[in-house]
Each structure stands twice: as structure tokens, then as C-alpha cells.
Protein backbone atom coordinates (compact mmCIF):
# COMPACT_ATOMS: atom_id res chain seq x y z
CA MET A 1 -15.64 -7.79 -14.50
CA SER A 2 -18.74 -7.46 -12.09
CA THR A 3 -19.00 -4.98 -9.65
CA LEU A 4 -21.12 -5.19 -6.20
CA ARG A 5 -22.60 -2.15 -4.86
CA LEU A 6 -23.30 -2.34 -1.03
CA LYS A 7 -23.86 0.65 1.29
CA LEU A 8 -22.37 1.45 4.61
CA LYS A 9 -24.63 2.27 7.05
CA ARG A 10 -23.61 1.66 10.55
CA ILE A 11 -20.22 0.58 12.37
CA ASP A 12 -20.58 -1.13 15.68
CA PRO A 13 -18.52 1.23 17.52
CA VAL A 14 -18.12 -0.90 20.87
CA LYS A 15 -16.50 -3.70 18.63
CA TYR A 16 -14.55 -1.43 16.50
CA ALA A 17 -13.48 0.42 19.26
CA THR A 18 -12.48 -3.12 21.33
CA ILE A 19 -10.56 -4.30 17.97
CA ALA A 20 -8.75 -0.88 17.81
CA ALA A 21 -7.55 -0.59 22.01
CA PHE A 22 -6.13 -4.47 21.55
CA LEU A 23 -4.26 -3.96 18.35
CA THR A 24 -3.34 -0.70 20.09
CA ALA A 25 -2.19 -2.27 23.27
CA LEU A 26 -0.45 -5.10 21.54
CA VAL A 27 1.54 -2.80 19.32
CA MET A 28 2.64 -0.69 22.26
CA LEU A 29 3.70 -3.68 24.31
CA ILE A 30 5.52 -5.09 21.23
CA VAL A 31 7.41 -1.57 21.15
CA PHE A 32 7.73 -0.91 24.90
CA VAL A 33 8.95 -3.85 26.16
CA PRO A 34 12.18 -4.31 23.46
CA PHE A 35 12.72 -0.41 24.62
CA MET A 36 12.60 -0.74 28.13
CA LEU A 37 14.92 -4.11 27.94
CA ILE A 38 17.60 -1.97 26.16
CA PHE A 39 17.22 1.32 27.98
CA SER A 40 17.65 -1.54 31.27
CA ALA A 41 20.85 -2.91 29.67
CA LEU A 42 22.77 0.25 28.79
CA GLY A 43 22.25 1.38 32.35
CA ALA A 44 18.87 3.16 32.86
CA GLY A 45 19.43 3.22 36.25
CA ALA A 46 21.45 6.38 36.58
CA ALA A 47 18.98 8.43 34.43
CA THR A 48 16.22 7.36 36.93
CA GLU A 49 18.22 8.53 39.52
CA SER A 50 18.99 11.93 38.30
CA MET A 51 15.72 12.13 37.48
CA GLY A 52 14.44 11.67 41.03
CA ALA A 53 11.69 10.62 43.12
CA GLY A 54 9.42 10.69 40.60
CA ALA A 55 10.98 7.95 38.50
CA ALA A 56 11.35 5.73 41.48
CA ILE A 57 7.90 5.51 41.73
CA PHE A 58 7.91 3.86 38.27
CA GLY A 59 10.41 1.17 39.20
CA GLY A 60 13.05 1.80 36.45
CA GLY A 61 10.33 1.36 33.83
CA ILE A 62 8.97 -2.09 34.63
CA PHE A 63 6.06 0.02 35.87
CA ILE A 64 5.61 1.87 32.47
CA VAL A 65 6.04 -1.37 30.39
CA ILE A 66 2.62 -3.11 32.01
CA LEU A 67 1.13 0.61 32.09
CA ALA A 68 1.73 1.97 29.19
CA PRO A 69 -0.27 -0.69 27.05
CA ILE A 70 -3.43 -0.48 29.34
CA ILE A 71 -3.15 3.66 29.32
CA TYR A 72 -2.84 3.43 25.54
CA GLY A 73 -5.69 0.63 24.72
CA VAL A 74 -8.31 2.69 27.11
CA PHE A 75 -7.42 5.88 25.73
CA THR A 76 -7.60 3.83 22.00
CA PHE A 77 -10.84 2.93 22.94
CA ILE A 78 -12.16 5.99 24.41
CA PHE A 79 -11.45 8.07 21.44
CA THR A 80 -12.34 5.39 18.89
CA LEU A 81 -15.60 4.78 20.10
CA ILE A 82 -16.26 8.60 20.18
CA ALA A 83 -15.00 8.63 16.42
CA VAL A 84 -17.04 6.04 15.35
CA SER A 85 -19.95 7.24 16.94
CA LEU A 86 -19.66 10.51 15.40
CA PHE A 87 -19.04 8.27 12.29
CA ASN A 88 -22.09 6.71 12.10
CA PHE A 89 -24.04 10.03 12.91
CA ILE A 90 -22.74 11.20 9.93
CA LEU A 91 -23.44 8.29 7.82
CA LYS A 92 -27.56 8.07 9.26
CA LYS A 93 -27.23 12.23 7.85
CA THR A 94 -25.48 11.65 4.47
CA GLY A 95 -27.88 8.54 3.77
CA GLY A 96 -24.60 6.13 4.09
CA LEU A 97 -21.33 5.60 2.08
CA ASP A 98 -21.44 3.48 -0.99
CA ILE A 99 -18.77 0.80 -1.46
CA ASP A 100 -17.63 -0.78 -4.88
CA PHE A 101 -16.50 -4.31 -4.66
CA GLU A 102 -15.23 -6.44 -7.36
CA LYS A 103 -15.88 -9.53 -7.74
CA ALA A 104 -12.86 -12.05 -7.58
CA GLY A 105 -13.34 -15.46 -7.90
CA LEU A 106 -15.26 -15.80 -4.20
CA ASP A 107 -19.10 -15.49 -4.47
CA ILE A 108 -20.00 -13.22 -1.51
CA ASN A 109 -22.51 -15.82 0.10
CA ARG A 110 -19.74 -18.17 0.64
CA ILE A 111 -17.77 -15.68 3.10
CA GLY A 112 -17.64 -17.22 6.46
CA GLU A 113 -18.29 -20.48 5.82
């Protein structure tokens, strides 16, 4: 068994945060749309009427379906950017993170071809 030892020195915070934000927004869209459709079908309009004018501003849930993934994506981007920047700072101070890879039939030089 051949083991390749690499050292992680840095992660690009903006790229990592962008990926995390898009994935979070996509998951939120997948989660919120079905739930809002189900709630609308079950008569959530009566619930929004009893909640007052504040709920009416959000258009009975349609506004939230559009806005929630964007808000979650933005906050995920910001928090991930901060977390990865701190992670890079710690990696720099500690000399990196050793990562062991096991050779599994594909030469590492051929990755990405």
C-alpha cells in the first residue's frame, strides 16, 4: 500500500465561501419551496391573516421562498469566509495540516485530465 503525504497550507477563502453559499442556497431552495407549497395547500393563508400585517408583507410565503435562500446564501458566504480565513491563519501559525492519501489505482498526476 502506497501512501502519499501532502501538507495543506492554505484554502482559498472566497472560492470555498462561494461554493458553500451556493450549496446552502440550493439546499434552502429545495427545502423551502416544497414546504411553502404544502403550507399553501393546507390553508396557511388563514395563519398569515391571524399574524397581522407583518406576515402580509411577505406575500403569504412566496417572498420567503425567494428571499430565504438568498439570505442563507449571503450569511453562509460571510461566515464561511471568516471561518476559512481564521483556518488559514491557524494553518500558517502551526505549519500546515498533514494529510495522508492512499494510492488507489489513479496516478495523482493524472487527476484533472
